[in-house]
């Protein structure tokens, strides 16, 4: 069976592995340490990471381009502006693991 049931919702193996990959990035642990602590094999970890990267970009955030734009600019410690004109504002309280996950997804 390729899906697991969580509550009333079916969760695919791909979704489970997406969360595991994000959790490892947030943890600050090496892949080896993370796999040992979670009872995973490094082979499976790297195989799923490769598979998910080949399926396209990771969707990780909803972007609101509305009224909050002015608010965000005031609280941002760092702003990245892309050649397309879009920008990414990073607040001072951002979690390092989350930031690593976002940057990895952007590098795609």
PDB file of N, CA and C in Angstrom:
ATOM      1  N   UNK A   1       0.848  -1.180   0.000  1.00  0.00           N
ATOM      2  CA  UNK A   1       0.000   0.000   0.000  1.00  0.00           C
ATOM      3  C   UNK A   1       0.889   1.237   0.000  1.00  0.00           C
ATOM      4  N   UNK A   2       0.603   2.199  -0.851  1.00  0.00           N
ATOM      5  CA  UNK A   2       1.468   3.369  -0.968  1.00  0.00           C
ATOM      6  C   UNK A   2       1.013   4.547  -0.122  1.00  0.00           C
ATOM      7  N   UNK A   3      -0.143   4.456   0.494  1.00  0.00           N
ATOM      8  CA  UNK A   3      -0.640   5.557   1.311  1.00  0.00           C
ATOM      9  C   UNK A   3      -0.829   5.114   2.750  1.00  0.00           C
ATOM     10  N   UNK A   4      -0.666   6.043   3.664  1.00  0.00           N
ATOM     11  CA  UNK A   4      -0.931   5.797   5.083  1.00  0.00           C
ATOM     12  C   UNK A   4      -2.124   6.651   5.482  1.00  0.00           C
ATOM     13  N   UNK A   5      -2.845   6.201   6.481  1.00  0.00           N
ATOM     14  CA  UNK A   5      -3.990   6.982   6.953  1.00  0.00           C
ATOM     15  C   UNK A   5      -3.596   7.758   8.198  1.00  0.00           C
ATOM     16  N   UNK A   6      -3.810   9.049   8.182  1.00  0.00           N
ATOM     17  CA  UNK A   6      -3.607   9.895   9.353  1.00  0.00           C
ATOM     18  C   UNK A   6      -4.933  10.574   9.587  1.00  0.00           C
ATOM     19  N   UNK A   7      -5.585  10.201  10.700  1.00  0.00           N
ATOM     20  CA  UNK A   7      -6.940  10.697  10.937  1.00  0.00           C
ATOM     21  C   UNK A   7      -7.836  10.179   9.835  1.00  0.00           C
ATOM     22  N   UNK A   8      -8.498  11.071   9.139  1.00  0.00           N
ATOM     23  CA  UNK A   8      -9.378  10.710   8.036  1.00  0.00           C
ATOM     24  C   UNK A   8      -8.718  10.951   6.681  1.00  0.00           C
ATOM     25  N   UNK A   9      -7.457  11.354   6.690  1.00  0.00           N
ATOM     26  CA  UNK A   9      -6.800  11.797   5.461  1.00  0.00           C
ATOM     27  C   UNK A   9      -5.717  10.811   5.044  1.00  0.00           C
ATOM     28  N   UNK A  10      -5.691  10.432   3.777  1.00  0.00           N
ATOM     29  CA  UNK A  10      -4.646   9.563   3.253  1.00  0.00           C
ATOM     30  C   UNK A  10      -3.409  10.400   2.963  1.00  0.00           C
ATOM     31  N   UNK A  11      -2.259   9.892   3.372  1.00  0.00           N
ATOM     32  CA  UNK A  11      -1.005  10.594   3.150  1.00  0.00           C
ATOM     33  C   UNK A  11      -0.103   9.688   2.308  1.00  0.00           C
ATOM     34  N   UNK A  12       0.378  10.202   1.201  1.00  0.00           N
ATOM     35  CA  UNK A  12       1.226   9.393   0.322  1.00  0.00           C
ATOM     36  C   UNK A  12       2.628   9.261   0.910  1.00  0.00           C
ATOM     37  N   UNK A  13       3.338   8.248   0.444  1.00  0.00           N
ATOM     38  CA  UNK A  13       4.724   8.069   0.869  1.00  0.00           C
ATOM     39  C   UNK A  13       5.550   9.289   0.485  1.00  0.00           C
ATOM     40  N   UNK A  14       5.255   9.852  -0.674  1.00  0.00           N
ATOM     41  CA  UNK A  14       5.993  11.046  -1.112  1.00  0.00           C
ATOM     42  C   UNK A  14       5.807  12.186  -0.123  1.00  0.00           C
ATOM     43  N   UNK A  15       4.580  12.362   0.374  1.00  0.00           N
ATOM     44  CA  UNK A  15       4.328  13.425   1.359  1.00  0.00           C
ATOM     45  C   UNK A  15       5.081  13.155   2.663  1.00  0.00           C
ATOM     46  N   UNK A  16       5.096  11.900   3.080  1.00  0.00           N
ATOM     47  CA  UNK A  16       5.820  11.521   4.300  1.00  0.00           C
ATOM     48  C   UNK A  16       7.301  11.828   4.129  1.00  0.00           C
ATOM     49  N   UNK A  17       7.859  11.470   2.973  1.00  0.00           N
ATOM     50  CA  UNK A  17       9.287  11.706   2.739  1.00  0.00           C
ATOM     51  C   UNK A  17       9.593  13.191   2.564  1.00  0.00           C
ATOM     52  N   UNK A  18       8.687  13.954   1.977  1.00  0.00           N
ATOM     53  CA  UNK A  18       8.895  15.408   1.888  1.00  0.00           C
ATOM     54  C   UNK A  18       9.052  15.991   3.291  1.00  0.00           C
ATOM     55  N   UNK A  19       8.180  15.554   4.192  1.00  0.00           N
ATOM     56  CA  UNK A  19       8.251  16.039   5.575  1.00  0.00           C
ATOM     57  C   UNK A  19       9.541  15.578   6.245  1.00  0.00           C
ATOM     58  N   UNK A  20       9.953  14.334   6.010  1.00  0.00           N
ATOM     59  CA  UNK A  20      11.204  13.846   6.605  1.00  0.00           C
ATOM     60  C   UNK A  20      12.398  14.659   6.105  1.00  0.00           C
ATOM     61  N   UNK A  21      12.424  14.952   4.806  1.00  0.00           N
ATOM     62  CA  UNK A  21      13.534  15.735   4.245  1.00  0.00           C
ATOM     63  C   UNK A  21      13.557  17.138   4.851  1.00  0.00           C
ATOM     64  N   UNK A  22      12.392  17.737   4.990  1.00  0.00           N
ATOM     65  CA  UNK A  22      12.317  19.069   5.589  1.00  0.00           C
ATOM     66  C   UNK A  22      12.730  19.021   7.060  1.00  0.00           C
ATOM     67  N   UNK A  23      12.305  17.969   7.757  1.00  0.00           N
ATOM     68  CA  UNK A  23      12.650  17.824   9.169  1.00  0.00           C
ATOM     69  C   UNK A  23      14.168  17.676   9.343  1.00  0.00           C
ATOM     70  N   UNK A  24      14.796  16.915   8.455  1.00  0.00           N
ATOM     71  CA  UNK A  24      16.258  16.757   8.529  1.00  0.00           C
ATOM     72  C   UNK A  24      16.943  18.102   8.292  1.00  0.00           C
ATOM     73  N   UNK A  25      16.460  18.871   7.326  1.00  0.00           N
ATOM     74  CA  UNK A  25      17.061  20.185   7.036  1.00  0.00           C
ATOM     75  C   UNK A  25      16.922  21.115   8.237  1.00  0.00           C
ATOM     76  N   UNK A  26      15.767  21.068   8.899  1.00  0.00           N
ATOM     77  CA  UNK A  26      15.528  21.921  10.070  1.00  0.00           C
ATOM     78  C   UNK A  26      16.350  21.476  11.278  1.00  0.00           C
ATOM     79  N   UNK A  27      16.650  20.188  11.341  1.00  0.00           N
ATOM     80  CA  UNK A  27      17.285  19.632  12.537  1.00  0.00           C
ATOM     81  C   UNK A  27      18.731  20.076  12.730  1.00  0.00           C
ATOM     82  N   UNK A  28      19.417  20.378  11.631  1.00  0.00           N
ATOM     83  CA  UNK A  28      20.833  20.710  11.735  1.00  0.00           C
ATOM     84  C   UNK A  28      21.718  19.470  11.851  1.00  0.00           C
ATOM     85  N   UNK A  29      21.105  18.286  11.839  1.00  0.00           N
ATOM     86  CA  UNK A  29      21.862  17.036  11.919  1.00  0.00           C
ATOM     87  C   UNK A  29      22.339  16.632  10.531  1.00  0.00           C
ATOM     88  N   UNK A  30      23.419  15.867  10.503  1.00  0.00           N
ATOM     89  CA  UNK A  30      23.849  15.298   9.232  1.00  0.00           C
ATOM     90  C   UNK A  30      22.818  14.255   8.811  1.00  0.00           C
ATOM     91  N   UNK A  31      22.831  13.878   7.544  1.00  0.00           N
ATOM     92  CA  UNK A  31      21.906  12.856   7.068  1.00  0.00           C
ATOM     93  C   UNK A  31      22.132  11.555   7.836  1.00  0.00           C
ATOM     94  N   UNK A  32      23.384  11.211   8.060  1.00  0.00           N
ATOM     95  CA  UNK A  32      23.711   9.975   8.780  1.00  0.00           C
ATOM     96  C   UNK A  32      23.106  10.000  10.188  1.00  0.00           C
ATOM     97  N   UNK A  33      23.316  11.095  10.915  1.00  0.00           N
ATOM     98  CA  UNK A  33      22.787  11.207  12.283  1.00  0.00           C
ATOM     99  C   UNK A  33      21.262  11.158  12.287  1.00  0.00           C
ATOM    100  N   UNK A  34      20.655  11.900  11.365  1.00  0.00           N
ATOM    101  CA  UNK A  34      19.201  11.945  11.296  1.00  0.00           C
ATOM    102  C   UNK A  34      18.629  10.557  11.027  1.00  0.00           C
ATOM    103  N   UNK A  35      19.209   9.849  10.066  1.00  0.00           N
ATOM    104  CA  UNK A  35      18.721   8.514   9.718  1.00  0.00           C
ATOM    105  C   UNK A  35      18.875   7.551  10.893  1.00  0.00           C
ATOM    106  N   UNK A  36      20.006   7.623  11.580  1.00  0.00           N
ATOM    107  CA  UNK A  36      20.212   6.749  12.737  1.00  0.00           C
ATOM    108  C   UNK A  36      19.172   7.018  13.822  1.00  0.00           C
ATOM    109  N   UNK A  37      18.886   8.284  14.086  1.00  0.00           N
ATOM    110  CA  UNK A  37      17.930   8.652  15.132  1.00  0.00           C
ATOM    111  C   UNK A  37      16.492   8.283  14.780  1.00  0.00           C
ATOM    112  N   UNK A  38      16.183   8.201  13.472  1.00  0.00           N
ATOM    113  CA  UNK A  38      14.808   7.941  13.050  1.00  0.00           C
ATOM    114  C   UNK A  38      14.625   6.529  12.472  1.00  0.00           C
ATOM    115  N   UNK A  39      15.651   5.701  12.564  1.00  0.00           N
ATOM    116  CA  UNK A  39      15.531   4.322  12.085  1.00  0.00           C
ATOM    117  C   UNK A  39      15.377   4.211  10.574  1.00  0.00           C
ATOM    118  N   UNK A  40      16.015   5.111   9.848  1.00  0.00           N
ATOM    119  CA  UNK A  40      15.956   5.124   8.388  1.00  0.00           C
ATOM    120  C   UNK A  40      17.303   4.714   7.816  1.00  0.00           C
ATOM    121  N   UNK A  41      17.295   4.240   6.580  1.00  0.00           N
ATOM    122  CA  UNK A  41      18.569   3.974   5.919  1.00  0.00           C
ATOM    123  C   UNK A  41      18.962   5.201   5.106  1.00  0.00           C
ATOM    124  N   UNK A  42      20.261   5.440   5.028  1.00  0.00           N
ATOM    125  CA  UNK A  42      20.736   6.561   4.215  1.00  0.00           C
ATOM    126  C   UNK A  42      20.377   6.341   2.752  1.00  0.00           C
ATOM    127  N   UNK A  43      20.407   5.085   2.317  1.00  0.00           N
ATOM    128  CA  UNK A  43      20.057   4.776   0.931  1.00  0.00           C
ATOM    129  C   UNK A  43      18.638   5.275   0.617  1.00  0.00           C
ATOM    130  N   UNK A  44      17.680   4.951   1.507  1.00  0.00           N
ATOM    131  CA  UNK A  44      16.296   5.381   1.294  1.00  0.00           C
ATOM    132  C   UNK A  44      16.187   6.904   1.309  1.00  0.00           C
ATOM    133  N   UNK A  45      16.895   7.526   2.253  1.00  0.00           N
ATOM    134  CA  UNK A  45      16.858   8.980   2.369  1.00  0.00           C
ATOM    135  C   UNK A  45      17.305   9.635   1.064  1.00  0.00           C
ATOM    136  N   UNK A  46      18.477   9.225   0.563  1.00  0.00           N
ATOM    137  CA  UNK A  46      19.004   9.832  -0.663  1.00  0.00           C
ATOM    138  C   UNK A  46      18.167   9.470  -1.890  1.00  0.00           C
ATOM    139  N   UNK A  47      17.643   8.246  -1.929  1.00  0.00           N
ATOM    140  CA  UNK A  47      16.809   7.836  -3.066  1.00  0.00           C
ATOM    141  C   UNK A  47      15.533   8.681  -3.123  1.00  0.00           C
ATOM    142  N   UNK A  48      14.880   8.894  -1.980  1.00  0.00           N
ATOM    143  CA  UNK A  48      13.673   9.711  -1.956  1.00  0.00           C
ATOM    144  C   UNK A  48      13.982  11.171  -2.256  1.00  0.00           C
ATOM    145  N   UNK A  49      15.103  11.670  -1.754  1.00  0.00           N
ATOM    146  CA  UNK A  49      15.464  13.057  -2.038  1.00  0.00           C
ATOM    147  C   UNK A  49      15.647  13.254  -3.540  1.00  0.00           C
ATOM    148  N   UNK A  50      16.314  12.304  -4.170  1.00  0.00           N
ATOM    149  CA  UNK A  50      16.526  12.391  -5.618  1.00  0.00           C
ATOM    150  C   UNK A  50      15.196  12.292  -6.364  1.00  0.00           C
ATOM    151  N   UNK A  51      14.356  11.355  -5.963  1.00  0.00           N
ATOM    152  CA  UNK A  51      13.061  11.162  -6.614  1.00  0.00           C
ATOM    153  C   UNK A  51      12.198  12.423  -6.508  1.00  0.00           C
ATOM    154  N   UNK A  52      12.153  13.002  -5.334  1.00  0.00           N
ATOM    155  CA  UNK A  52      11.313  14.184  -5.140  1.00  0.00           C
ATOM    156  C   UNK A  52      11.860  15.407  -5.871  1.00  0.00           C
ATOM    157  N   UNK A  53      13.157  15.509  -5.984  1.00  0.00           N
ATOM    158  CA  UNK A  53      13.735  16.636  -6.737  1.00  0.00           C
ATOM    159  C   UNK A  53      13.426  16.509  -8.220  1.00  0.00           C
ATOM    160  N   UNK A  54      13.348  15.275  -8.717  1.00  0.00           N
ATOM    161  CA  UNK A  54      13.052  15.061 -10.129  1.00  0.00           C
ATOM    162  C   UNK A  54      11.594  15.340 -10.459  1.00  0.00           C
ATOM    163  N   UNK A  55      10.723  15.287  -9.463  1.00  0.00           N
ATOM    164  CA  UNK A  55       9.299  15.527  -9.681  1.00  0.00           C
ATOM    165  C   UNK A  55       8.947  16.999  -9.740  1.00  0.00           C
ATOM    166  N   UNK A  56       9.908  17.875  -9.621  1.00  0.00           N
ATOM    167  CA  UNK A  56       9.627  19.298  -9.709  1.00  0.00           C
ATOM    168  C   UNK A  56       9.890  20.004  -8.405  1.00  0.00           C
ATOM    169  N   UNK A  57       9.612  21.274  -8.374  1.00  0.00           N
ATOM    170  CA  UNK A  57       9.911  22.071  -7.185  1.00  0.00           C
ATOM    171  C   UNK A  57       9.028  21.689  -6.001  1.00  0.00           C
ATOM    172  N   UNK A  58       9.558  21.898  -4.831  1.00  0.00           N
ATOM    173  CA  UNK A  58       8.828  21.645  -3.603  1.00  0.00           C
ATOM    174  C   UNK A  58       7.927  22.838  -3.336  1.00  0.00           C
ATOM    175  N   UNK A  59       6.662  22.572  -3.030  1.00  0.00           N
ATOM    176  CA  UNK A  59       5.744  23.648  -2.670  1.00  0.00           C
ATOM    177  C   UNK A  59       5.774  23.770  -1.167  1.00  0.00           C
ATOM    178  N   UNK A  60       6.118  24.942  -0.669  1.00  0.00           N
ATOM    179  CA  UNK A  60       6.314  25.055   0.765  1.00  0.00           C
ATOM    180  C   UNK A  60       5.677  26.278   1.404  1.00  0.00           C
ATOM    181  N   UNK A  61       5.177  27.210   0.633  1.00  0.00           N
ATOM    182  CA  UNK A  61       4.644  28.408   1.274  1.00  0.00           C
ATOM    183  C   UNK A  61       3.580  29.063   0.402  1.00  0.00           C
ATOM    184  N   UNK A  62       2.630  29.681   1.052  1.00  0.00           N
ATOM    185  CA  UNK A  62       1.642  30.503   0.380  1.00  0.00           C
ATOM    186  C   UNK A  62       2.158  31.936   0.414  1.00  0.00           C
ATOM    187  N   UNK A  63       2.183  32.584  -0.713  1.00  0.00           N
ATOM    188  CA  UNK A  63       2.690  33.947  -0.785  1.00  0.00           C
ATOM    189  C   UNK A  63       1.510  34.896  -0.925  1.00  0.00           C
ATOM    190  N   UNK A  64       1.397  35.817   0.010  1.00  0.00           N
ATOM    191  CA  UNK A  64       0.349  36.831  -0.020  1.00  0.00           C
ATOM    192  C   UNK A  64       0.969  38.119  -0.530  1.00  0.00           C
ATOM    193  N   UNK A  65       0.541  38.567  -1.685  1.00  0.00           N
ATOM    194  CA  UNK A  65       1.127  39.765  -2.286  1.00  0.00           C
ATOM    195  C   UNK A  65       0.263  40.996  -2.019  1.00  0.00           C
ATOM    196  N   UNK A  66      -0.587  40.917  -1.003  1.00  0.00           N
ATOM    197  CA  UNK A  66      -1.539  41.994  -0.719  1.00  0.00           C
ATOM    198  C   UNK A  66      -1.001  43.034   0.233  1.00  0.00           C
ATOM    199  N   UNK A  67      -1.872  43.488   1.132  1.00  0.00           N
ATOM    200  CA  UNK A  67      -1.602  44.608   2.030  1.00  0.00           C
ATOM    201  C   UNK A  67      -0.466  44.353   3.001  1.00  0.00           C
ATOM    202  N   UNK A  68      -0.162  43.111   3.283  1.00  0.00           N
ATOM    203  CA  UNK A  68       0.899  42.801   4.249  1.00  0.00           C
ATOM    204  C   UNK A  68       2.285  43.163   3.710  1.00  0.00           C
ATOM    205  N   UNK A  69       2.370  43.516   2.459  1.00  0.00           N
ATOM    206  CA  UNK A  69       3.665  43.817   1.843  1.00  0.00           C
ATOM    207  C   UNK A  69       4.406  44.919   2.598  1.00  0.00           C
ATOM    208  N   UNK A  70       3.752  46.008   2.943  1.00  0.00           N
ATOM    209  CA  UNK A  70       4.394  47.101   3.654  1.00  0.00           C
ATOM    210  C   UNK A  70       4.841  46.655   5.040  1.00  0.00           C
ATOM    211  N   UNK A  71       3.998  45.866   5.711  1.00  0.00           N
ATOM    212  CA  UNK A  71       4.301  45.369   7.042  1.00  0.00           C
ATOM    213  C   UNK A  71       5.559  44.509   7.019  1.00  0.00           C
ATOM    214  N   UNK A  72       5.639  43.624   6.045  1.00  0.00           N
ATOM    215  CA  UNK A  72       6.780  42.714   5.943  1.00  0.00           C
ATOM    216  C   UNK A  72       8.082  43.476   5.716  1.00  0.00           C
ATOM    217  N   UNK A  73       8.032  44.488   4.886  1.00  0.00           N
ATOM    218  CA  UNK A  73       9.242  45.234   4.578  1.00  0.00           C
ATOM    219  C   UNK A  73       9.827  45.870   5.828  1.00  0.00           C
ATOM    220  N   UNK A  74       8.968  46.351   6.716  1.00  0.00           N
ATOM    221  CA  UNK A  74       9.443  47.004   7.924  1.00  0.00           C
ATOM    222  C   UNK A  74      10.124  46.023   8.871  1.00  0.00           C
ATOM    223  N   UNK A  75       9.632  44.762   8.939  1.00  0.00           N
ATOM    224  CA  UNK A  75      10.177  43.784   9.870  1.00  0.00           C
ATOM    225  C   UNK A  75      11.242  42.883   9.275  1.00  0.00           C
ATOM    226  N   UNK A  76      11.565  43.058   8.021  1.00  0.00           N
ATOM    227  CA  UNK A  76      12.541  42.179   7.367  1.00  0.00           C
ATOM    228  C   UNK A  76      13.962  42.600   7.708  1.00  0.00           C
ATOM    229  N   UNK A  77      14.794  41.606   7.987  1.00  0.00           N
ATOM    230  CA  UNK A  77      16.200  41.880   8.244  1.00  0.00           C
ATOM    231  C   UNK A  77      17.019  41.742   6.971  1.00  0.00           C
ATOM    232  N   UNK A  78      16.507  40.934   6.039  1.00  0.00           N
ATOM    233  CA  UNK A  78      17.212  40.663   4.789  1.00  0.00           C
ATOM    234  C   UNK A  78      16.185  40.556   3.676  1.00  0.00           C
ATOM    235  N   UNK A  79      16.471  41.147   2.544  1.00  0.00           N
ATOM    236  CA  UNK A  79      15.576  41.045   1.398  1.00  0.00           C
ATOM    237  C   UNK A  79      16.382  40.613   0.187  1.00  0.00           C
ATOM    238  N   UNK A  80      15.945  39.516  -0.446  1.00  0.00           N
ATOM    239  CA  UNK A  80      16.566  39.041  -1.675  1.00  0.00           C
ATOM    240  C   UNK A  80      15.680  39.468  -2.834  1.00  0.00           C
ATOM    241  N   UNK A  81      16.240  40.141  -3.834  1.00  0.00           N
ATOM    242  CA  UNK A  81      15.476  40.566  -4.990  1.00  0.00           C
ATOM    243  C   UNK A  81      15.969  39.768  -6.189  1.00  0.00           C
ATOM    244  N   UNK A  82      15.040  39.084  -6.849  1.00  0.00           N
ATOM    245  CA  UNK A  82      15.364  38.233  -7.978  1.00  0.00           C
ATOM    246  C   UNK A  82      15.318  39.028  -9.268  1.00  0.00           C
ATOM    247  N   UNK A  83      16.000  38.560 -10.307  1.00  0.00           N
ATOM    248  CA  UNK A  83      15.999  39.263 -11.593  1.00  0.00           C
ATOM    249  C   UNK A  83      14.599  39.474 -12.164  1.00  0.00           C
ATOM    250  N   UNK A  84      13.641  38.652 -11.759  1.00  0.00           N
ATOM    251  CA  UNK A  84      12.264  38.777 -12.239  1.00  0.00           C
ATOM    252  C   UNK A  84      11.521  39.924 -11.559  1.00  0.00           C
ATOM    253  N   UNK A  85      12.149  40.530 -10.535  1.00  0.00           N
ATOM    254  CA  UNK A  85      11.520  41.608  -9.798  1.00  0.00           C
ATOM    255  C   UNK A  85      10.841  41.144  -8.522  1.00  0.00           C
ATOM    256  N   UNK A  86      10.691  39.852  -8.358  1.00  0.00           N
ATOM    257  CA  UNK A  86      10.099  39.322  -7.139  1.00  0.00           C
ATOM    258  C   UNK A  86      11.116  39.390  -6.015  1.00  0.00           C
ATOM    259  N   UNK A  87      10.617  39.448  -4.789  1.00  0.00           N
ATOM    260  CA  UNK A  87      11.533  39.534  -3.667  1.00  0.00           C
ATOM    261  C   UNK A  87      11.140  38.557  -2.572  1.00  0.00           C
ATOM    262  N   UNK A  88      12.102  38.197  -1.767  1.00  0.00           N
ATOM    263  CA  UNK A  88      11.910  37.317  -0.622  1.00  0.00           C
ATOM    264  C   UNK A  88      12.434  38.055   0.588  1.00  0.00           C
ATOM    265  N   UNK A  89      11.548  38.326   1.535  1.00  0.00           N
ATOM    266  CA  UNK A  89      11.945  39.040   2.753  1.00  0.00           C
ATOM    267  C   UNK A  89      12.097  38.032   3.880  1.00  0.00           C
ATOM    268  N   UNK A  90      13.213  38.103   4.575  1.00  0.00           N
ATOM    269  CA  UNK A  90      13.541  37.163   5.633  1.00  0.00           C
ATOM    270  C   UNK A  90      13.637  37.932   6.937  1.00  0.00           C
ATOM    271  N   UNK A  91      12.758  37.602   7.875  1.00  0.00           N
ATOM    272  CA  UNK A  91      12.725  38.274   9.163  1.00  0.00           C
ATOM    273  C   UNK A  91      13.838  37.815  10.079  1.00  0.00           C
ATOM    274  N   UNK A  92      14.095  38.593  11.092  1.00  0.00           N
ATOM    275  CA  UNK A  92      15.195  38.293  12.008  1.00  0.00           C
ATOM    276  C   UNK A  92      14.953  37.035  12.831  1.00  0.00           C
ATOM    277  N   UNK A  93      13.705  36.612  13.003  1.00  0.00           N
ATOM    278  CA  UNK A  93      13.420  35.447  13.836  1.00  0.00           C
ATOM    279  C   UNK A  93      13.277  34.152  13.058  1.00  0.00           C
ATOM    280  N   UNK A  94      13.653  34.133  11.790  1.00  0.00           N
ATOM    281  CA  UNK A  94      13.459  32.924  10.979  1.00  0.00           C
ATOM    282  C   UNK A  94      14.328  31.773  11.488  1.00  0.00           C
ATOM    283  N   UNK A  95      13.750  30.585  11.464  1.00  0.00           N
ATOM    284  CA  UNK A  95      14.453  29.372  11.860  1.00  0.00           C
ATOM    285  C   UNK A  95      15.493  29.021  10.795  1.00  0.00           C
ATOM    286  N   UNK A  96      16.718  28.734  11.221  1.00  0.00           N
ATOM    287  CA  UNK A  96      17.810  28.430  10.290  1.00  0.00           C
ATOM    288  C   UNK A  96      17.511  27.247   9.394  1.00  0.00           C
ATOM    289  N   UNK A  97      16.903  26.210   9.950  1.00  0.00           N
ATOM    290  CA  UNK A  97      16.563  25.023   9.146  1.00  0.00           C
ATOM    291  C   UNK A  97      15.546  25.341   8.076  1.00  0.00           C
ATOM    292  N   UNK A  98      14.566  26.151   8.417  1.00  0.00           N
ATOM    293  CA  UNK A  98      13.560  26.557   7.439  1.00  0.00           C
ATOM    294  C   UNK A  98      14.205  27.353   6.323  1.00  0.00           C
ATOM    295  N   UNK A  99      15.092  28.258   6.676  1.00  0.00           N
ATOM    296  CA  UNK A  99      15.777  29.056   5.668  1.00  0.00           C
ATOM    297  C   UNK A  99      16.607  28.175   4.743  1.00  0.00           C
ATOM    298  N   UNK A 100      17.303  27.174   5.312  1.00  0.00           N
ATOM    299  CA  UNK A 100      18.070  26.241   4.479  1.00  0.00           C
ATOM    300  C   UNK A 100      17.156  25.495   3.511  1.00  0.00           C
ATOM    301  N   UNK A 101      15.974  25.094   3.972  1.00  0.00           N
ATOM    302  CA  UNK A 101      15.021  24.382   3.129  1.00  0.00           C
ATOM    303  C   UNK A 101      14.550  25.273   1.980  1.00  0.00           C
ATOM    304  N   UNK A 102      14.252  26.530   2.288  1.00  0.00           N
ATOM    305  CA  UNK A 102      13.800  27.476   1.265  1.00  0.00           C
ATOM    306  C   UNK A 102      14.903  27.706   0.233  1.00  0.00           C
ATOM    307  N   UNK A 103      16.118  27.940   0.693  1.00  0.00           N
ATOM    308  CA  UNK A 103      17.231  28.196  -0.237  1.00  0.00           C
ATOM    309  C   UNK A 103      17.487  26.960  -1.098  1.00  0.00           C
ATOM    310  N   UNK A 104      17.424  25.776  -0.516  1.00  0.00           N
ATOM    311  CA  UNK A 104      17.621  24.540  -1.289  1.00  0.00           C
ATOM    312  C   UNK A 104      16.538  24.399  -2.356  1.00  0.00           C
ATOM    313  N   UNK A 105      15.296  24.724  -2.006  1.00  0.00           N
ATOM    314  CA  UNK A 105      14.193  24.641  -2.969  1.00  0.00           C
ATOM    315  C   UNK A 105      14.377  25.652  -4.092  1.00  0.00           C
ATOM    316  N   UNK A 106      14.859  26.842  -3.776  1.00  0.00           N
ATOM    317  CA  UNK A 106      15.077  27.866  -4.798  1.00  0.00           C
ATOM    318  C   UNK A 106      16.200  27.483  -5.751  1.00  0.00           C
ATOM    319  N   UNK A 107      17.196  26.796  -5.217  1.00  0.00           N
ATOM    320  CA  UNK A 107      18.309  26.345  -6.063  1.00  0.00           C
ATOM    321  C   UNK A 107      17.850  25.262  -7.022  1.00  0.00           C
ATOM    322  N   UNK A 108      16.839  24.486  -6.560  1.00  0.00           N
ATOM    323  CA  UNK A 108      16.185  23.436  -7.316  1.00  0.00           C
ATOM    324  C   UNK A 108      17.051  22.726  -8.228  1.00  0.00           C
TER     325      UNK A 108
END
